[in-house]
Amino acid sequence: MSYIPTQDQVMGQLRIVIPALGTIATAYGLTSAQANSYTQMALTLVGPLSYVVVAIWSLIANSRASIMAAAAKPVDANTPAPQIILPSQEAELAAKLPENVTTTK
């Protein structure tokens, strides 16, 4: 089963990645004369690279599997877990989730 991001996920990633790339380009352009060692370049890129890490984390956290796993959890110890029924096309996803997530027959 391949993963295809939703339009909202793609737009969210663009909102994060574009400023990060701009920051990298700006930081490198302003400090390229002084950045004569790998340490200085690494320190220059730490902030912008954190945007990229957040973008990847956001994509994983907002995947269908992650959202369904969170939805399958009970609200508290006194509440039973919700019964979630996915379409049969998502049987592979349902197999990876808790037992209260099933598919239609």
PDB file of N, CA and C in Angstrom:
ATOM      1  N   MET A   1       0.850  -1.175   0.000  1.00  0.00           N
ATOM      2  CA  MET A   1       0.000   0.000   0.000  1.00  0.00           C
ATOM      3  C   MET A   1       0.895   1.237   0.000  1.00  0.00           C
ATOM      4  N   SER A   2       0.723   2.073  -0.976  1.00  0.00           N
ATOM      5  CA  SER A   2       1.540   3.285  -1.051  1.00  0.00           C
ATOM      6  C   SER A   2       0.851   4.418  -0.304  1.00  0.00           C
ATOM      7  N   TYR A   3       1.658   5.342   0.124  1.00  0.00           N
ATOM      8  CA  TYR A   3       1.137   6.478   0.880  1.00  0.00           C
ATOM      9  C   TYR A   3       1.085   7.698  -0.024  1.00  0.00           C
ATOM     10  N   ILE A   4      -0.076   8.288  -0.143  1.00  0.00           N
ATOM     11  CA  ILE A   4      -0.256   9.505  -0.926  1.00  0.00           C
ATOM     12  C   ILE A   4      -0.717  10.595   0.036  1.00  0.00           C
ATOM     13  N   PRO A   5       0.095  11.649   0.200  1.00  0.00           N
ATOM     14  CA  PRO A   5      -0.302  12.707   1.136  1.00  0.00           C
ATOM     15  C   PRO A   5      -1.526  13.477   0.626  1.00  0.00           C
ATOM     16  N   THR A   6      -2.294  13.982   1.575  1.00  0.00           N
ATOM     17  CA  THR A   6      -3.446  14.790   1.213  1.00  0.00           C
ATOM     18  C   THR A   6      -2.984  16.183   0.790  1.00  0.00           C
ATOM     19  N   GLN A   7      -3.875  16.932   0.175  1.00  0.00           N
ATOM     20  CA  GLN A   7      -3.539  18.286  -0.256  1.00  0.00           C
ATOM     21  C   GLN A   7      -3.185  19.155   0.951  1.00  0.00           C
ATOM     22  N   ASP A   8      -3.896  18.973   2.067  1.00  0.00           N
ATOM     23  CA  ASP A   8      -3.597  19.740   3.275  1.00  0.00           C
ATOM     24  C   ASP A   8      -2.190  19.445   3.785  1.00  0.00           C
ATOM     25  N   GLN A   9      -1.788  18.172   3.731  1.00  0.00           N
ATOM     26  CA  GLN A   9      -0.449  17.817   4.173  1.00  0.00           C
ATOM     27  C   GLN A   9       0.610  18.444   3.274  1.00  0.00           C
ATOM     28  N   VAL A  10       0.388  18.400   1.975  1.00  0.00           N
ATOM     29  CA  VAL A  10       1.350  18.984   1.033  1.00  0.00           C
ATOM     30  C   VAL A  10       1.471  20.481   1.266  1.00  0.00           C
ATOM     31  N   MET A  11       0.362  21.158   1.422  1.00  0.00           N
ATOM     32  CA  MET A  11       0.402  22.605   1.645  1.00  0.00           C
ATOM     33  C   MET A  11       1.080  22.924   2.980  1.00  0.00           C
ATOM     34  N   GLY A  12       0.824  22.125   3.998  1.00  0.00           N
ATOM     35  CA  GLY A  12       1.484  22.325   5.282  1.00  0.00           C
ATOM     36  C   GLY A  12       2.985  22.157   5.160  1.00  0.00           C
ATOM     37  N   GLN A  13       3.408  21.169   4.390  1.00  0.00           N
ATOM     38  CA  GLN A  13       4.839  20.954   4.179  1.00  0.00           C
ATOM     39  C   GLN A  13       5.457  22.120   3.418  1.00  0.00           C
ATOM     40  N   LEU A  14       4.767  22.609   2.416  1.00  0.00           N
ATOM     41  CA  LEU A  14       5.282  23.752   1.660  1.00  0.00           C
ATOM     42  C   LEU A  14       5.438  24.979   2.552  1.00  0.00           C
ATOM     43  N   ARG A  15       4.470  25.177   3.456  1.00  0.00           N
ATOM     44  CA  ARG A  15       4.553  26.320   4.366  1.00  0.00           C
ATOM     45  C   ARG A  15       5.763  26.220   5.282  1.00  0.00           C
ATOM     46  N   ILE A  16       6.214  25.017   5.549  1.00  0.00           N
ATOM     47  CA  ILE A  16       7.372  24.834   6.415  1.00  0.00           C
ATOM     48  C   ILE A  16       8.674  24.821   5.620  1.00  0.00           C
ATOM     49  N   VAL A  17       8.684  24.119   4.495  1.00  0.00           N
ATOM     50  CA  VAL A  17       9.920  23.902   3.747  1.00  0.00           C
ATOM     51  C   VAL A  17      10.392  25.162   3.022  1.00  0.00           C
ATOM     52  N   ILE A  18       9.475  25.913   2.437  1.00  0.00           N
ATOM     53  CA  ILE A  18       9.886  27.102   1.678  1.00  0.00           C
ATOM     54  C   ILE A  18      10.634  28.109   2.549  1.00  0.00           C
ATOM     55  N   PRO A  19      10.126  28.462   3.734  1.00  0.00           N
ATOM     56  CA  PRO A  19      10.913  29.376   4.572  1.00  0.00           C
ATOM     57  C   PRO A  19      12.254  28.774   4.997  1.00  0.00           C
ATOM     58  N   ALA A  20      12.274  27.463   5.223  1.00  0.00           N
ATOM     59  CA  ALA A  20      13.528  26.821   5.621  1.00  0.00           C
ATOM     60  C   ALA A  20      14.566  26.934   4.511  1.00  0.00           C
ATOM     61  N   LEU A  21      14.164  26.658   3.291  1.00  0.00           N
ATOM     62  CA  LEU A  21      15.097  26.764   2.171  1.00  0.00           C
ATOM     63  C   LEU A  21      15.564  28.207   1.985  1.00  0.00           C
ATOM     64  N   GLY A  22      14.651  29.134   2.153  1.00  0.00           N
ATOM     65  CA  GLY A  22      15.029  30.548   2.059  1.00  0.00           C
ATOM     66  C   GLY A  22      16.011  30.945   3.141  1.00  0.00           C
ATOM     67  N   THR A  23      15.800  30.439   4.345  1.00  0.00           N
ATOM     68  CA  THR A  23      16.704  30.745   5.447  1.00  0.00           C
ATOM     69  C   THR A  23      18.084  30.159   5.189  1.00  0.00           C
ATOM     70  N   ILE A  24      18.120  28.931   4.678  1.00  0.00           N
ATOM     71  CA  ILE A  24      19.411  28.303   4.365  1.00  0.00           C
ATOM     72  C   ILE A  24      20.149  29.120   3.320  1.00  0.00           C
ATOM     73  N   ALA A  25      19.441  29.493   2.264  1.00  0.00           N
ATOM     74  CA  ALA A  25      20.081  30.263   1.194  1.00  0.00           C
ATOM     75  C   ALA A  25      20.577  31.612   1.704  1.00  0.00           C
ATOM     76  N   THR A  26      19.766  32.273   2.505  1.00  0.00           N
ATOM     77  CA  THR A  26      20.157  33.569   3.043  1.00  0.00           C
ATOM     78  C   THR A  26      21.345  33.435   3.988  1.00  0.00           C
ATOM     79  N   ALA A  27      21.273  32.468   4.883  1.00  0.00           N
ATOM     80  CA  ALA A  27      22.361  32.285   5.845  1.00  0.00           C
ATOM     81  C   ALA A  27      23.654  31.920   5.134  1.00  0.00           C
ATOM     82  N   TYR A  28      23.580  31.073   4.156  1.00  0.00           N
ATOM     83  CA  TYR A  28      24.794  30.692   3.439  1.00  0.00           C
ATOM     84  C   TYR A  28      25.329  31.877   2.643  1.00  0.00           C
ATOM     85  N   GLY A  29      24.469  32.626   2.046  1.00  0.00           N
ATOM     86  CA  GLY A  29      24.913  33.786   1.272  1.00  0.00           C
ATOM     87  C   GLY A  29      25.562  34.853   2.131  1.00  0.00           C
ATOM     88  N   LEU A  30      25.046  35.079   3.327  1.00  0.00           N
ATOM     89  CA  LEU A  30      25.592  36.106   4.204  1.00  0.00           C
ATOM     90  C   LEU A  30      26.884  35.688   4.881  1.00  0.00           C
ATOM     91  N   THR A  31      27.070  34.384   5.065  1.00  0.00           N
ATOM     92  CA  THR A  31      28.232  33.935   5.823  1.00  0.00           C
ATOM     93  C   THR A  31      29.212  33.120   4.989  1.00  0.00           C
ATOM     94  N   SER A  32      29.035  33.033   3.682  1.00  0.00           N
ATOM     95  CA  SER A  32      29.919  32.189   2.887  1.00  0.00           C
ATOM     96  C   SER A  32      31.367  32.666   2.950  1.00  0.00           C
ATOM     97  N   ALA A  33      31.586  33.951   3.099  1.00  0.00           N
ATOM     98  CA  ALA A  33      32.954  34.463   3.186  1.00  0.00           C
ATOM     99  C   ALA A  33      33.607  34.054   4.498  1.00  0.00           C
ATOM    100  N   GLN A  34      32.838  34.038   5.574  1.00  0.00           N
ATOM    101  CA  GLN A  34      33.391  33.678   6.876  1.00  0.00           C
ATOM    102  C   GLN A  34      33.359  32.166   7.131  1.00  0.00           C
ATOM    103  N   ALA A  35      32.490  31.444   6.450  1.00  0.00           N
ATOM    104  CA  ALA A  35      32.327  30.008   6.712  1.00  0.00           C
ATOM    105  C   ALA A  35      33.447  29.223   6.055  1.00  0.00           C
ATOM    106  N   ASN A  36      34.606  29.226   6.696  1.00  0.00           N
ATOM    107  CA  ASN A  36      35.747  28.519   6.154  1.00  0.00           C
ATOM    108  C   ASN A  36      35.973  27.186   6.843  1.00  0.00           C
ATOM    109  N   SER A  37      35.101  26.809   7.740  1.00  0.00           N
ATOM    110  CA  SER A  37      35.221  25.504   8.381  1.00  0.00           C
ATOM    111  C   SER A  37      33.848  24.846   8.440  1.00  0.00           C
ATOM    112  N   TYR A  38      33.873  23.529   8.548  1.00  0.00           N
ATOM    113  CA  TYR A  38      32.619  22.775   8.616  1.00  0.00           C
ATOM    114  C   TYR A  38      31.825  23.129   9.873  1.00  0.00           C
ATOM    115  N   THR A  39      32.497  23.452  10.948  1.00  0.00           N
ATOM    116  CA  THR A  39      31.807  23.810  12.191  1.00  0.00           C
ATOM    117  C   THR A  39      30.985  25.068  12.016  1.00  0.00           C
ATOM    118  N   GLN A  40      31.546  26.074  11.412  1.00  0.00           N
ATOM    119  CA  GLN A  40      30.800  27.314  11.202  1.00  0.00           C
ATOM    120  C   GLN A  40      29.614  27.079  10.276  1.00  0.00           C
ATOM    121  N   MET A  41      29.809  26.264   9.241  1.00  0.00           N
ATOM    122  CA  MET A  41      28.698  25.984   8.330  1.00  0.00           C
ATOM    123  C   MET A  41      27.600  25.199   9.041  1.00  0.00           C
ATOM    124  N   ALA A  42      27.998  24.234   9.877  1.00  0.00           N
ATOM    125  CA  ALA A  42      27.008  23.440  10.605  1.00  0.00           C
ATOM    126  C   ALA A  42      26.207  24.321  11.555  1.00  0.00           C
ATOM    127  N   LEU A  43      26.891  25.206  12.262  1.00  0.00           N
ATOM    128  CA  LEU A  43      26.195  26.104  13.176  1.00  0.00           C
ATOM    129  C   LEU A  43      25.256  27.040  12.433  1.00  0.00           C
ATOM    130  N   THR A  44      25.635  27.423  11.224  1.00  0.00           N
ATOM    131  CA  THR A  44      24.787  28.286  10.414  1.00  0.00           C
ATOM    132  C   THR A  44      23.515  27.559   9.990  1.00  0.00           C
ATOM    133  N   LEU A  45      23.615  26.256   9.757  1.00  0.00           N
ATOM    134  CA  LEU A  45      22.487  25.494   9.229  1.00  0.00           C
ATOM    135  C   LEU A  45      21.611  24.844  10.298  1.00  0.00           C
ATOM    136  N   VAL A  46      22.008  24.885  11.557  1.00  0.00           N
ATOM    137  CA  VAL A  46      21.239  24.216  12.608  1.00  0.00           C
ATOM    138  C   VAL A  46      19.795  24.712  12.667  1.00  0.00           C
ATOM    139  N   GLY A  47      19.601  25.999  12.693  1.00  0.00           N
ATOM    140  CA  GLY A  47      18.244  26.553  12.774  1.00  0.00           C
ATOM    141  C   GLY A  47      17.382  26.179  11.588  1.00  0.00           C
ATOM    142  N   PRO A  48      17.854  26.444  10.367  1.00  0.00           N
ATOM    143  CA  PRO A  48      17.045  26.085   9.202  1.00  0.00           C
ATOM    144  C   PRO A  48      16.794  24.585   9.067  1.00  0.00           C
ATOM    145  N   LEU A  49      17.779  23.772   9.418  1.00  0.00           N
ATOM    146  CA  LEU A  49      17.568  22.332   9.316  1.00  0.00           C
ATOM    147  C   LEU A  49      16.512  21.845  10.300  1.00  0.00           C
ATOM    148  N   SER A  50      16.337  22.567  11.392  1.00  0.00           N
ATOM    149  CA  SER A  50      15.287  22.182  12.333  1.00  0.00           C
ATOM    150  C   SER A  50      13.911  22.305  11.689  1.00  0.00           C
ATOM    151  N   TYR A  51      13.737  23.260  10.770  1.00  0.00           N
ATOM    152  CA  TYR A  51      12.481  23.355  10.035  1.00  0.00           C
ATOM    153  C   TYR A  51      12.238  22.094   9.218  1.00  0.00           C
ATOM    154  N   VAL A  52      13.292  21.583   8.592  1.00  0.00           N
ATOM    155  CA  VAL A  52      13.162  20.382   7.774  1.00  0.00           C
ATOM    156  C   VAL A  52      12.794  19.187   8.649  1.00  0.00           C
ATOM    157  N   VAL A  53      13.415  19.063   9.812  1.00  0.00           N
ATOM    158  CA  VAL A  53      13.095  17.975  10.733  1.00  0.00           C
ATOM    159  C   VAL A  53      11.639  18.064  11.169  1.00  0.00           C
ATOM    160  N   VAL A  54      11.180  19.266  11.469  1.00  0.00           N
ATOM    161  CA  VAL A  54       9.782  19.454  11.866  1.00  0.00           C
ATOM    162  C   VAL A  54       8.846  19.087  10.720  1.00  0.00           C
ATOM    163  N   ALA A  55       9.219  19.404   9.505  1.00  0.00           N
ATOM    164  CA  ALA A  55       8.385  19.071   8.348  1.00  0.00           C
ATOM    165  C   ALA A  55       8.234  17.561   8.203  1.00  0.00           C
ATOM    166  N   ILE A  56       9.329  16.838   8.359  1.00  0.00           N
ATOM    167  CA  ILE A  56       9.273  15.373   8.253  1.00  0.00           C
ATOM    168  C   ILE A  56       8.446  14.790   9.392  1.00  0.00           C
ATOM    169  N   TRP A  57       8.660  15.298  10.608  1.00  0.00           N
ATOM    170  CA  TRP A  57       7.896  14.827  11.760  1.00  0.00           C
ATOM    171  C   TRP A  57       6.405  15.084  11.560  1.00  0.00           C
ATOM    172  N   SER A  58       6.075  16.244  11.029  1.00  0.00           N
ATOM    173  CA  SER A  58       4.679  16.595  10.785  1.00  0.00           C
ATOM    174  C   SER A  58       4.037  15.641   9.778  1.00  0.00           C
ATOM    175  N   LEU A  59       4.776  15.279   8.754  1.00  0.00           N
ATOM    176  CA  LEU A  59       4.247  14.352   7.753  1.00  0.00           C
ATOM    177  C   LEU A  59       3.962  12.993   8.379  1.00  0.00           C
ATOM    178  N   ILE A  60       4.868  12.516   9.216  1.00  0.00           N
ATOM    179  CA  ILE A  60       4.671  11.221   9.870  1.00  0.00           C
ATOM    180  C   ILE A  60       3.529  11.297  10.877  1.00  0.00           C
ATOM    181  N   ALA A  61       3.501  12.352  11.675  1.00  0.00           N
ATOM    182  CA  ALA A  61       2.478  12.492  12.708  1.00  0.00           C
ATOM    183  C   ALA A  61       1.086  12.644  12.121  1.00  0.00           C
ATOM    184  N   ASN A  62       0.999  13.189  10.923  1.00  0.00           N
ATOM    185  CA  ASN A  62      -0.300  13.387  10.297  1.00  0.00           C
ATOM    186  C   ASN A  62      -0.618  12.326   9.262  1.00  0.00           C
ATOM    187  N   SER A  63       0.080  11.194   9.314  1.00  0.00           N
ATOM    188  CA  SER A  63      -0.238  10.103   8.394  1.00  0.00           C
ATOM    189  C   SER A  63      -1.548   9.449   8.826  1.00  0.00           C
ATOM    190  N   ARG A  64      -2.160   8.766   7.924  1.00  0.00           N
ATOM    191  CA  ARG A  64      -3.444   8.110   8.219  1.00  0.00           C
ATOM    192  C   ARG A  64      -3.275   7.086   9.340  1.00  0.00           C
ATOM    193  N   ALA A  65      -2.182   6.335   9.319  1.00  0.00           N
ATOM    194  CA  ALA A  65      -1.951   5.326  10.354  1.00  0.00           C
ATOM    195  C   ALA A  65      -1.829   5.971  11.729  1.00  0.00           C
ATOM    196  N   SER A  66      -1.117   7.088  11.817  1.00  0.00           N
ATOM    197  CA  SER A  66      -0.943   7.765  13.089  1.00  0.00           C
ATOM    198  C   SER A  66      -2.263   8.330  13.604  1.00  0.00           C
ATOM    199  N   ILE A  67      -3.029   8.913  12.713  1.00  0.00           N
ATOM    200  CA  ILE A  67      -4.323   9.484  13.100  1.00  0.00           C
ATOM    201  C   ILE A  67      -5.281   8.385  13.558  1.00  0.00           C
ATOM    202  N   MET A  68      -5.307   7.261  12.826  1.00  0.00           N
ATOM    203  CA  MET A  68      -6.201   6.158  13.198  1.00  0.00           C
ATOM    204  C   MET A  68      -5.768   5.511  14.511  1.00  0.00           C
ATOM    205  N   ALA A  69      -4.457   5.393  14.740  1.00  0.00           N
ATOM    206  CA  ALA A  69      -3.964   4.826  16.002  1.00  0.00           C
ATOM    207  C   ALA A  69      -4.378   5.706  17.179  1.00  0.00           C
ATOM    208  N   ALA A  70      -4.302   7.004  16.995  1.00  0.00           N
ATOM    209  CA  ALA A  70      -4.718   7.920  18.063  1.00  0.00           C
ATOM    210  C   ALA A  70      -6.223   7.833  18.298  1.00  0.00           C
ATOM    211  N   ALA A  71      -6.997   7.712  17.220  1.00  0.00           N
ATOM    212  CA  ALA A  71      -8.451   7.629  17.348  1.00  0.00           C
ATOM    213  C   ALA A  71      -8.885   6.316  17.978  1.00  0.00           C
ATOM    214  N   ALA A  72      -8.083   5.269  17.853  1.00  0.00           N
ATOM    215  CA  ALA A  72      -8.447   3.954  18.381  1.00  0.00           C
ATOM    216  C   ALA A  72      -8.233   3.832  19.882  1.00  0.00           C
ATOM    217  N   LYS A  73      -7.541   4.789  20.485  1.00  0.00           N
ATOM    218  CA  LYS A  73      -7.276   4.731  21.919  1.00  0.00           C
ATOM    219  C   LYS A  73      -8.518   5.125  22.712  1.00  0.00           C
ATOM    220  N   PRO A  74      -8.748   4.470  23.847  1.00  0.00           N
ATOM    221  CA  PRO A  74      -9.872   4.886  24.697  1.00  0.00           C
ATOM    222  C   PRO A  74      -9.597   6.249  25.327  1.00  0.00           C
ATOM    223  N   VAL A  75     -10.661   6.952  25.651  1.00  0.00           N
ATOM    224  CA  VAL A  75     -10.537   8.285  26.242  1.00  0.00           C
ATOM    225  C   VAL A  75      -9.870   8.207  27.610  1.00  0.00           C
ATOM    226  N   ASP A  76     -10.268   7.224  28.411  1.00  0.00           N
ATOM    227  CA  ASP A  76      -9.675   7.020  29.728  1.00  0.00           C
ATOM    228  C   ASP A  76      -9.815   5.552  30.105  1.00  0.00           C
ATOM    229  N   ALA A  77      -9.358   5.197  31.291  1.00  0.00           N
ATOM    230  CA  ALA A  77      -9.372   3.799  31.726  1.00  0.00           C
ATOM    231  C   ALA A  77     -10.792   3.262  31.933  1.00  0.00           C
ATOM    232  N   ASN A  78     -11.758   4.134  32.172  1.00  0.00           N
ATOM    233  CA  ASN A  78     -13.136   3.701  32.423  1.00  0.00           C
ATOM    234  C   ASN A  78     -13.995   3.634  31.167  1.00  0.00           C
ATOM    235  N   THR A  79     -13.458   4.071  30.046  1.00  0.00           N
ATOM    236  CA  THR A  79     -14.209   4.118  28.790  1.00  0.00           C
ATOM    237  C   THR A  79     -13.660   3.059  27.839  1.00  0.00           C
ATOM    238  N   PRO A  80     -14.553   2.244  27.266  1.00  0.00           N
ATOM    239  CA  PRO A  80     -14.046   1.257  26.311  1.00  0.00           C
ATOM    240  C   PRO A  80     -13.511   1.936  25.047  1.00  0.00           C
ATOM    241  N   ALA A  81     -12.591   1.270  24.385  1.00  0.00           N
ATOM    242  CA  ALA A  81     -12.019   1.810  23.148  1.00  0.00           C
ATOM    243  C   ALA A  81     -13.107   1.864  22.079  1.00  0.00           C
ATOM    244  N   PRO A  82     -13.092   2.878  21.238  1.00  0.00           N
ATOM    245  CA  PRO A  82     -14.108   2.980  20.191  1.00  0.00           C
ATOM    246  C   PRO A  82     -13.915   1.888  19.140  1.00  0.00           C
ATOM    247  N   GLN A  83     -15.008   1.456  18.552  1.00  0.00           N
ATOM    248  CA  GLN A  83     -14.945   0.480  17.465  1.00  0.00           C
ATOM    249  C   GLN A  83     -14.838   1.257  16.154  1.00  0.00           C
ATOM    250  N   ILE A  84     -13.761   1.058  15.442  1.00  0.00           N
ATOM    251  CA  ILE A  84     -13.532   1.771  14.180  1.00  0.00           C
ATOM    252  C   ILE A  84     -13.583   0.763  13.045  1.00  0.00           C
ATOM    253  N   ILE A  85     -14.410   1.034  12.055  1.00  0.00           N
ATOM    254  CA  ILE A  85     -14.544   0.139  10.906  1.00  0.00           C
ATOM    255  C   ILE A  85     -14.069   0.878   9.663  1.00  0.00           C
ATOM    256  N   LEU A  86     -12.998   0.368   9.070  1.00  0.00           N
ATOM    257  CA  LEU A  86     -12.423   0.953   7.867  1.00  0.00           C
ATOM    258  C   LEU A  86     -12.935   0.223   6.629  1.00  0.00           C
ATOM    259  N   PRO A  87     -12.883   0.864   5.468  1.00  0.00           N
ATOM    260  CA  PRO A  87     -13.257   0.172   4.238  1.00  0.00           C
ATOM    261  C   PRO A  87     -12.320  -1.012   3.976  1.00  0.00           C
ATOM    262  N   SER A  88     -12.793  -1.987   3.240  1.00  0.00           N
ATOM    263  CA  SER A  88     -11.988  -3.186   2.984  1.00  0.00           C
ATOM    264  C   SER A  88     -10.688  -2.867   2.257  1.00  0.00           C
ATOM    265  N   GLN A  89     -10.624  -1.764   1.529  1.00  0.00           N
ATOM    266  CA  GLN A  89      -9.397  -1.375   0.834  1.00  0.00           C
ATOM    267  C   GLN A  89      -8.270  -1.051   1.819  1.00  0.00           C
ATOM    268  N   GLU A  90      -8.608  -0.784   3.062  1.00  0.00           N
ATOM    269  CA  GLU A  90      -7.616  -0.412   4.063  1.00  0.00           C
ATOM    270  C   GLU A  90      -7.339  -1.551   5.048  1.00  0.00           C
ATOM    271  N   ALA A  91      -7.489  -2.784   4.566  1.00  0.00           N
ATOM    272  CA  ALA A  91      -7.260  -3.951   5.422  1.00  0.00           C
ATOM    273  C   ALA A  91      -5.821  -4.012   5.921  1.00  0.00           C
ATOM    274  N   GLU A  92      -4.882  -3.619   5.085  1.00  0.00           N
ATOM    275  CA  GLU A  92      -3.473  -3.631   5.488  1.00  0.00           C
ATOM    276  C   GLU A  92      -3.226  -2.668   6.644  1.00  0.00           C
ATOM    277  N   LEU A  93      -3.832  -1.485   6.578  1.00  0.00           N
ATOM    278  CA  LEU A  93      -3.708  -0.509   7.655  1.00  0.00           C
ATOM    279  C   LEU A  93      -4.367  -1.039   8.923  1.00  0.00           C
ATOM    280  N   ALA A  94      -5.566  -1.609   8.797  1.00  0.00           N
ATOM    281  CA  ALA A  94      -6.295  -2.114   9.958  1.00  0.00           C
ATOM    282  C   ALA A  94      -5.514  -3.217  10.668  1.00  0.00           C
ATOM    283  N   ALA A  95      -4.762  -4.024   9.909  1.00  0.00           N
ATOM    284  CA  ALA A  95      -3.986  -5.110  10.506  1.00  0.00           C
ATOM    285  C   ALA A  95      -2.862  -4.573  11.392  1.00  0.00           C
ATOM    286  N   LYS A  96      -2.393  -3.373  11.124  1.00  0.00           N
ATOM    287  CA  LYS A  96      -1.300  -2.781  11.897  1.00  0.00           C
ATOM    288  C   LYS A  96      -1.791  -2.040  13.141  1.00  0.00           C
ATOM    289  N   LEU A  97      -3.102  -1.843  13.240  1.00  0.00           N
ATOM    290  CA  LEU A  97      -3.687  -1.061  14.331  1.00  0.00           C
ATOM    291  C   LEU A  97      -4.255  -1.984  15.404  1.00  0.00           C
ATOM    292  N   PRO A  98      -4.673  -1.443  16.545  1.00  0.00           N
ATOM    293  CA  PRO A  98      -5.249  -2.275  17.601  1.00  0.00           C
ATOM    294  C   PRO A  98      -6.469  -3.072  17.128  1.00  0.00           C
ATOM    295  N   GLU A  99      -6.872  -4.053  17.914  1.00  0.00           N
ATOM    296  CA  GLU A  99      -7.952  -4.976  17.521  1.00  0.00           C
ATOM    297  C   GLU A  99      -9.312  -4.296  17.383  1.00  0.00           C
ATOM    298  N   ASN A 100      -9.491  -3.125  17.964  1.00  0.00           N
ATOM    299  CA  ASN A 100     -10.776  -2.451  17.838  1.00  0.00           C
ATOM    300  C   ASN A 100     -10.925  -1.745  16.484  1.00  0.00           C
ATOM    301  N   VAL A 101      -9.912  -1.837  15.649  1.00  0.00           N
ATOM    302  CA  VAL A 101      -9.981  -1.293  14.290  1.00  0.00           C
ATOM    303  C   VAL A 101     -10.111  -2.469  13.336  1.00  0.00           C
ATOM    304  N   THR A 102     -11.230  -2.526  12.632  1.00  0.00           N
ATOM    305  CA  THR A 102     -11.484  -3.633  11.712  1.00  0.00           C
ATOM    306  C   THR A 102     -11.876  -3.063  10.350  1.00  0.00           C
ATOM    307  N   THR A 103     -12.122  -3.966   9.406  1.00  0.00           N
ATOM    308  CA  THR A 103     -12.568  -3.552   8.079  1.00  0.00           C
ATOM    309  C   THR A 103     -13.927  -4.162   7.790  1.00  0.00           C
ATOM    310  N   THR A 104     -14.605  -3.599   6.807  1.00  0.00           N
ATOM    311  CA  THR A 104     -15.869  -4.163   6.362  1.00  0.00           C
ATOM    312  C   THR A 104     -15.572  -5.466   5.630  1.00  0.00           C
ATOM    313  N   LYS A 105     -16.525  -6.340   5.607  1.00  0.00           N
ATOM    314  CA  LYS A 105     -16.336  -7.650   4.957  1.00  0.00           C
ATOM    315  C   LYS A 105     -16.518  -7.546   3.474  1.00  0.00           C
TER     316      LYS A 105
END
